[in-house]
Amino acid sequence: MAYAALGIVLYGVWRGTRQQSGRTVGLSGGWLRSWWFYLASSVFFFGIAYWGWKPLPLTFSPSMQIALLIVGMLLYFPGMLFLLWARMTLGKNYFVSTGFGAQLFKGHQLVTSGPFAIVRHPMYAGLILASLGALLIYFTWTTVYFVLFAPLTMFRARREEQALSAEFGEQWRDYCKRVPAFIPHIRREPHA
């Protein structure tokens, strides 16, 4: 599932580098459209994953291992599915951002349907859930790195929100009033 998500994201990046640039916030400019950025990022990402795929020095009873595995699966698989649903919903509006900057496309559309009607950053919410789940499933140093990395997506989200606010103005502000950033509202049904 992780490889499928990575492939779908990389395809979106490749397609995004061929679209005409729109509003940019921060330092994302041309380097997000450069092959060397993606090569260096991939080497770093896969290097960390390979180097850190060593078990953590933890031992659990067999019943605790089963419980952690179940909780891990209940976080990992829904998290990955939420991430993929969001990526597919974005369609041609998907592109990479960083904590340093975000770039929209010319003719960019504000997507507020599907998972974006639940939270403003479903890809990041899904990534955080999946990384926590992966830690409980695998217990490796790599999964610890991913769990520590996941909250950094909030910096990326801030940059994206700056670009979207500048581009969509009042429409964006209305959307922010209705939809939370990462944690869905728990709505109680009114009693009859």
C-alpha atoms as a PDB file:
ATOM      1  CA  MET A   1       0.000   0.000   0.000  1.00  0.00           C
ATOM      2  CA  ALA A   2       2.870   2.375   0.813  1.00  0.00           C
ATOM      3  CA  TYR A   3       4.445   1.716  -2.597  1.00  0.00           C
ATOM      4  CA  ALA A   4       1.132   2.366  -4.344  1.00  0.00           C
ATOM      5  CA  ALA A   5       0.784   5.667  -2.466  1.00  0.00           C
ATOM      6  CA  LEU A   6       4.359   6.620  -3.325  1.00  0.00           C
ATOM      7  CA  GLY A   7       3.788   5.817  -6.996  1.00  0.00           C
ATOM      8  CA  ILE A   8       0.585   7.860  -7.129  1.00  0.00           C
ATOM      9  CA  VAL A   9       2.264  10.802  -5.396  1.00  0.00           C
ATOM     10  CA  LEU A  10       5.317  10.667  -7.687  1.00  0.00           C
ATOM     11  CA  TYR A  11       3.069  10.540 -10.743  1.00  0.00           C
ATOM     12  CA  GLY A  12       1.283  13.644  -9.437  1.00  0.00           C
ATOM     13  CA  VAL A  13       4.621  15.384  -8.920  1.00  0.00           C
ATOM     14  CA  TRP A  14       5.760  14.496 -12.434  1.00  0.00           C
ATOM     15  CA  ARG A  15       2.476  15.782 -13.884  1.00  0.00           C
ATOM     16  CA  GLY A  16       2.651  18.910 -11.721  1.00  0.00           C
ATOM     17  CA  THR A  17       6.091  19.862 -13.027  1.00  0.00           C
ATOM     18  CA  ARG A  18       4.529  20.145 -16.463  1.00  0.00           C
ATOM     19  CA  GLN A  19       1.743  22.543 -15.456  1.00  0.00           C
ATOM     20  CA  GLN A  20       2.061  26.296 -15.662  1.00  0.00           C
ATOM     21  CA  SER A  21       3.011  27.923 -12.342  1.00  0.00           C
ATOM     22  CA  GLY A  22       0.589  30.114 -10.475  1.00  0.00           C
ATOM     23  CA  ARG A  23       0.807  31.819  -7.087  1.00  0.00           C
ATOM     24  CA  THR A  24       3.894  30.985  -5.022  1.00  0.00           C
ATOM     25  CA  VAL A  25       4.315  31.589  -1.297  1.00  0.00           C
ATOM     26  CA  GLY A  26       7.741  31.274   0.285  1.00  0.00           C
ATOM     27  CA  LEU A  27      10.826  29.847  -1.355  1.00  0.00           C
ATOM     28  CA  SER A  28       9.344  27.022  -3.416  1.00  0.00           C
ATOM     29  CA  GLY A  29       9.847  28.625  -6.838  1.00  0.00           C
ATOM     30  CA  GLY A  30      11.850  26.764  -9.459  1.00  0.00           C
ATOM     31  CA  TRP A  31      13.497  24.098  -7.342  1.00  0.00           C
ATOM     32  CA  LEU A  32      10.176  22.276  -6.817  1.00  0.00           C
ATOM     33  CA  ARG A  33      10.165  21.823 -10.588  1.00  0.00           C
ATOM     34  CA  SER A  34      13.747  20.557 -10.737  1.00  0.00           C
ATOM     35  CA  TRP A  35      14.604  16.854 -11.166  1.00  0.00           C
ATOM     36  CA  TRP A  36      17.610  17.144  -8.822  1.00  0.00           C
ATOM     37  CA  PHE A  37      15.332  18.161  -5.910  1.00  0.00           C
ATOM     38  CA  TYR A  38      13.319  14.951  -6.315  1.00  0.00           C
ATOM     39  CA  LEU A  39      16.420  12.833  -6.834  1.00  0.00           C
ATOM     40  CA  ALA A  40      18.069  14.214  -3.674  1.00  0.00           C
ATOM     41  CA  SER A  41      14.827  13.878  -1.683  1.00  0.00           C
ATOM     42  CA  SER A  42      14.338  10.282  -2.843  1.00  0.00           C
ATOM     43  CA  VAL A  43      17.923   9.294  -2.033  1.00  0.00           C
ATOM     44  CA  PHE A  44      17.571  10.867   1.421  1.00  0.00           C
ATOM     45  CA  PHE A  45      14.157   9.274   2.068  1.00  0.00           C
ATOM     46  CA  PHE A  46      15.138   5.782   0.923  1.00  0.00           C
ATOM     47  CA  GLY A  47      18.524   6.069   2.631  1.00  0.00           C
ATOM     48  CA  ILE A  48      16.886   6.834   5.978  1.00  0.00           C
ATOM     49  CA  ALA A  49      14.357   4.045   5.433  1.00  0.00           C
ATOM     50  CA  TYR A  50      17.057   1.506   4.566  1.00  0.00           C
ATOM     51  CA  TRP A  51      19.515   2.561   7.256  1.00  0.00           C
ATOM     52  CA  GLY A  52      16.885   2.660   9.987  1.00  0.00           C
ATOM     53  CA  TRP A  53      15.126  -0.618   9.227  1.00  0.00           C
ATOM     54  CA  LYS A  54      16.449  -2.145  12.428  1.00  0.00           C
ATOM     55  CA  PRO A  55      14.232  -3.328  15.277  1.00  0.00           C
ATOM     56  CA  LEU A  56      13.766  -1.145  18.310  1.00  0.00           C
ATOM     57  CA  PRO A  57      15.179  -2.618  21.522  1.00  0.00           C
ATOM     58  CA  LEU A  58      11.710  -3.321  22.917  1.00  0.00           C
ATOM     59  CA  THR A  59      10.099  -6.566  23.948  1.00  0.00           C
ATOM     60  CA  PHE A  60       6.431  -7.183  24.533  1.00  0.00           C
ATOM     61  CA  SER A  61       4.423 -10.169  25.635  1.00  0.00           C
ATOM     62  CA  PRO A  62       2.750 -12.101  22.804  1.00  0.00           C
ATOM     63  CA  SER A  63      -0.694 -10.766  23.762  1.00  0.00           C
ATOM     64  CA  MET A  64       0.638  -7.180  23.824  1.00  0.00           C
ATOM     65  CA  GLN A  65       2.290  -7.712  20.415  1.00  0.00           C
ATOM     66  CA  ILE A  66      -1.050  -8.832  18.980  1.00  0.00           C
ATOM     67  CA  ALA A  67      -2.868  -5.857  20.537  1.00  0.00           C
ATOM     68  CA  LEU A  68      -0.272  -3.405  19.172  1.00  0.00           C
ATOM     69  CA  LEU A  69      -0.441  -5.042  15.746  1.00  0.00           C
ATOM     70  CA  ILE A  70      -4.235  -4.686  15.666  1.00  0.00           C
ATOM     71  CA  VAL A  71      -4.119  -1.036  16.776  1.00  0.00           C
ATOM     72  CA  GLY A  72      -1.328  -0.413  14.259  1.00  0.00           C
ATOM     73  CA  MET A  73      -3.387  -1.864  11.420  1.00  0.00           C
ATOM     74  CA  LEU A  74      -6.419   0.175  12.517  1.00  0.00           C
ATOM     75  CA  LEU A  75      -4.297   3.323  12.188  1.00  0.00           C
ATOM     76  CA  TYR A  76      -2.095   2.427   9.212  1.00  0.00           C
ATOM     77  CA  PHE A  77      -4.604   1.176   6.655  1.00  0.00           C
ATOM     78  CA  PRO A  78      -7.284   3.863   7.197  1.00  0.00           C
ATOM     79  CA  GLY A  79      -4.511   6.501   7.261  1.00  0.00           C
ATOM     80  CA  MET A  80      -3.106   5.316   3.930  1.00  0.00           C
ATOM     81  CA  LEU A  81      -6.580   5.070   2.400  1.00  0.00           C
ATOM     82  CA  PHE A  82      -7.416   8.603   3.594  1.00  0.00           C
ATOM     83  CA  LEU A  83      -4.137   9.875   2.113  1.00  0.00           C
ATOM     84  CA  LEU A  84      -4.814   8.160  -1.225  1.00  0.00           C
ATOM     85  CA  TRP A  85      -8.439   9.347  -1.305  1.00  0.00           C
ATOM     86  CA  ALA A  86      -7.237  12.925  -0.770  1.00  0.00           C
ATOM     87  CA  ARG A  87      -4.522  12.645  -3.414  1.00  0.00           C
ATOM     88  CA  MET A  88      -6.986  11.271  -5.960  1.00  0.00           C
ATOM     89  CA  THR A  89      -9.558  13.962  -5.067  1.00  0.00           C
ATOM     90  CA  LEU A  90      -6.989  16.704  -5.692  1.00  0.00           C
ATOM     91  CA  GLY A  91      -6.407  15.389  -9.195  1.00  0.00           C
ATOM     92  CA  LYS A  92      -4.621  17.935 -11.364  1.00  0.00           C
ATOM     93  CA  ASN A  93      -4.424  20.389  -8.435  1.00  0.00           C
ATOM     94  CA  TYR A  94      -1.854  18.225  -6.625  1.00  0.00           C
ATOM     95  CA  PHE A  95       1.741  19.387  -6.304  1.00  0.00           C
ATOM     96  CA  VAL A  96       4.499  19.233  -3.731  1.00  0.00           C
ATOM     97  CA  SER A  97       5.049  21.857  -1.067  1.00  0.00           C
ATOM     98  CA  THR A  98       7.622  22.221   1.666  1.00  0.00           C
ATOM     99  CA  GLY A  99       7.865  24.034   4.969  1.00  0.00           C
ATOM    100  CA  PHE A 100       9.698  26.727   3.005  1.00  0.00           C
ATOM    101  CA  GLY A 101       7.069  27.342   0.382  1.00  0.00           C
ATOM    102  CA  ALA A 102       4.078  26.260  -1.667  1.00  0.00           C
ATOM    103  CA  GLN A 103       3.150  26.761  -5.277  1.00  0.00           C
ATOM    104  CA  LEU A 104      -0.264  26.704  -6.937  1.00  0.00           C
ATOM    105  CA  PHE A 105      -0.927  26.287 -10.641  1.00  0.00           C
ATOM    106  CA  LYS A 106      -2.362  28.736 -13.093  1.00  0.00           C
ATOM    107  CA  GLY A 107      -6.126  28.072 -12.964  1.00  0.00           C
ATOM    108  CA  HIS A 108      -5.822  26.261  -9.626  1.00  0.00           C
ATOM    109  CA  GLN A 109      -9.161  25.273  -8.083  1.00  0.00           C
ATOM    110  CA  LEU A 110     -10.055  25.114  -4.408  1.00  0.00           C
ATOM    111  CA  VAL A 111     -11.007  21.509  -3.630  1.00  0.00           C
ATOM    112  CA  THR A 112     -13.530  21.224  -0.772  1.00  0.00           C
ATOM    113  CA  SER A 113     -15.210  17.893  -1.532  1.00  0.00           C
ATOM    114  CA  GLY A 114     -14.472  14.315  -0.523  1.00  0.00           C
ATOM    115  CA  PRO A 115     -11.935  14.123   2.315  1.00  0.00           C
ATOM    116  CA  PHE A 116     -11.457  17.904   2.073  1.00  0.00           C
ATOM    117  CA  ALA A 117     -14.989  18.278   3.440  1.00  0.00           C
ATOM    118  CA  ILE A 118     -13.810  16.436   6.582  1.00  0.00           C
ATOM    119  CA  VAL A 119     -10.437  18.156   7.198  1.00  0.00           C
ATOM    120  CA  ARG A 120      -8.461  20.756   5.265  1.00  0.00           C
ATOM    121  CA  HIS A 121      -5.308  18.600   5.176  1.00  0.00           C
ATOM    122  CA  PRO A 122      -6.436  15.001   4.712  1.00  0.00           C
ATOM    123  CA  MET A 123      -3.182  13.869   3.109  1.00  0.00           C
ATOM    124  CA  TYR A 124      -1.225  15.025   6.148  1.00  0.00           C
ATOM    125  CA  ALA A 125      -3.799  13.657   8.592  1.00  0.00           C
ATOM    126  CA  GLY A 126      -3.624  10.315   6.783  1.00  0.00           C
ATOM    127  CA  LEU A 127       0.183  10.399   6.815  1.00  0.00           C
ATOM    128  CA  ILE A 128       0.249  11.020  10.563  1.00  0.00           C
ATOM    129  CA  LEU A 129      -2.179   8.143  11.216  1.00  0.00           C
ATOM    130  CA  ALA A 130      -0.281   5.812   8.884  1.00  0.00           C
ATOM    131  CA  SER A 131       3.098   6.621  10.440  1.00  0.00           C
ATOM    132  CA  LEU A 132       1.766   5.937  13.946  1.00  0.00           C
ATOM    133  CA  GLY A 133       0.265   2.695  12.705  1.00  0.00           C
ATOM    134  CA  ALA A 134       3.490   1.682  10.962  1.00  0.00           C
ATOM    135  CA  LEU A 135       5.396   2.210  14.206  1.00  0.00           C
ATOM    136  CA  LEU A 136       3.043  -0.146  16.056  1.00  0.00           C
ATOM    137  CA  ILE A 137       3.221  -2.747  13.277  1.00  0.00           C
ATOM    138  CA  TYR A 138       6.969  -2.790  12.609  1.00  0.00           C
ATOM    139  CA  PHE A 139       8.756  -1.265  15.645  1.00  0.00           C
ATOM    140  CA  THR A 140      11.808  -0.122  13.641  1.00  0.00           C
ATOM    141  CA  TRP A 141      13.951   2.998  13.813  1.00  0.00           C
ATOM    142  CA  THR A 142      12.649   3.957  10.367  1.00  0.00           C
ATOM    143  CA  THR A 143       9.087   4.101  11.652  1.00  0.00           C
ATOM    144  CA  VAL A 144      10.266   6.215  14.605  1.00  0.00           C
ATOM    145  CA  TYR A 145      11.781   8.682  12.101  1.00  0.00           C
ATOM    146  CA  PHE A 146       8.498   8.801  10.180  1.00  0.00           C
ATOM    147  CA  VAL A 147       6.507   9.457  13.358  1.00  0.00           C
ATOM    148  CA  LEU A 148       8.912  12.269  14.274  1.00  0.00           C
ATOM    149  CA  PHE A 149       8.739  13.684  10.741  1.00  0.00           C
ATOM    150  CA  ALA A 150       4.920  13.618  10.504  1.00  0.00           C
ATOM    151  CA  PRO A 151       4.263  16.687  12.714  1.00  0.00           C
ATOM    152  CA  LEU A 152       6.549  18.725  10.424  1.00  0.00           C
ATOM    153  CA  THR A 153       3.766  18.527   7.863  1.00  0.00           C
ATOM    154  CA  MET A 154       2.048  21.242   9.882  1.00  0.00           C
ATOM    155  CA  PHE A 155       4.691  23.698   8.643  1.00  0.00           C
ATOM    156  CA  ARG A 156       3.923  22.623   5.092  1.00  0.00           C
ATOM    157  CA  ALA A 157       0.214  23.019   5.775  1.00  0.00           C
ATOM    158  CA  ARG A 158       0.793  26.580   6.987  1.00  0.00           C
ATOM    159  CA  ARG A 159       2.565  27.508   3.740  1.00  0.00           C
ATOM    160  CA  GLU A 160      -0.161  25.914   1.659  1.00  0.00           C
ATOM    161  CA  GLU A 161      -2.805  27.799   3.603  1.00  0.00           C
ATOM    162  CA  GLN A 162      -0.991  31.077   2.957  1.00  0.00           C
ATOM    163  CA  ALA A 163      -0.996  30.400  -0.787  1.00  0.00           C
ATOM    164  CA  LEU A 164      -4.645  29.286  -0.788  1.00  0.00           C
ATOM    165  CA  SER A 165      -5.733  32.283   1.298  1.00  0.00           C
ATOM    166  CA  ALA A 166      -3.963  34.694  -1.039  1.00  0.00           C
ATOM    167  CA  GLU A 167      -5.457  32.982  -4.100  1.00  0.00           C
ATOM    168  CA  PHE A 168      -9.042  32.337  -2.956  1.00  0.00           C
ATOM    169  CA  GLY A 169      -9.608  35.050  -0.314  1.00  0.00           C
ATOM    170  CA  GLU A 170     -13.104  34.989   1.160  1.00  0.00           C
ATOM    171  CA  GLN A 171     -13.905  31.575  -0.313  1.00  0.00           C
ATOM    172  CA  TRP A 172     -10.887  30.158   1.573  1.00  0.00           C
ATOM    173  CA  ARG A 173     -11.815  31.910   4.829  1.00  0.00           C
ATOM    174  CA  ASP A 174     -15.383  30.546   4.651  1.00  0.00           C
ATOM    175  CA  TYR A 175     -14.009  27.055   4.049  1.00  0.00           C
ATOM    176  CA  CYS A 176     -11.684  27.393   7.077  1.00  0.00           C
ATOM    177  CA  LYS A 177     -14.643  28.350   9.270  1.00  0.00           C
ATOM    178  CA  ARG A 178     -16.498  25.180   8.278  1.00  0.00           C
ATOM    179  CA  VAL A 179     -13.690  22.611   8.086  1.00  0.00           C
ATOM    180  CA  PRO A 180     -10.955  22.002  10.708  1.00  0.00           C
ATOM    181  CA  ALA A 181      -7.315  21.634   9.685  1.00  0.00           C
ATOM    182  CA  PHE A 182      -6.429  18.118  10.924  1.00  0.00           C
ATOM    183  CA  ILE A 183      -8.937  16.706  13.421  1.00  0.00           C
ATOM    184  CA  PRO A 184     -12.541  16.323  12.256  1.00  0.00           C
ATOM    185  CA  HIS A 185     -15.362  17.893  14.216  1.00  0.00           C
ATOM    186  CA  ILE A 186     -17.373  15.439  16.225  1.00  0.00           C
ATOM    187  CA  ARG A 187     -20.889  16.540  15.525  1.00  0.00           C
ATOM    188  CA  ARG A 188     -23.709  15.514  17.765  1.00  0.00           C
ATOM    189  CA  GLU A 189     -27.021  14.970  16.150  1.00  0.00           C
ATOM    190  CA  PRO A 190     -29.693  17.170  17.748  1.00  0.00           C
ATOM    191  CA  HIS A 191     -32.176  15.249  19.879  1.00  0.00           C
ATOM    192  CA  ALA A 192     -35.718  15.225  18.542  1.00  0.00           C
END
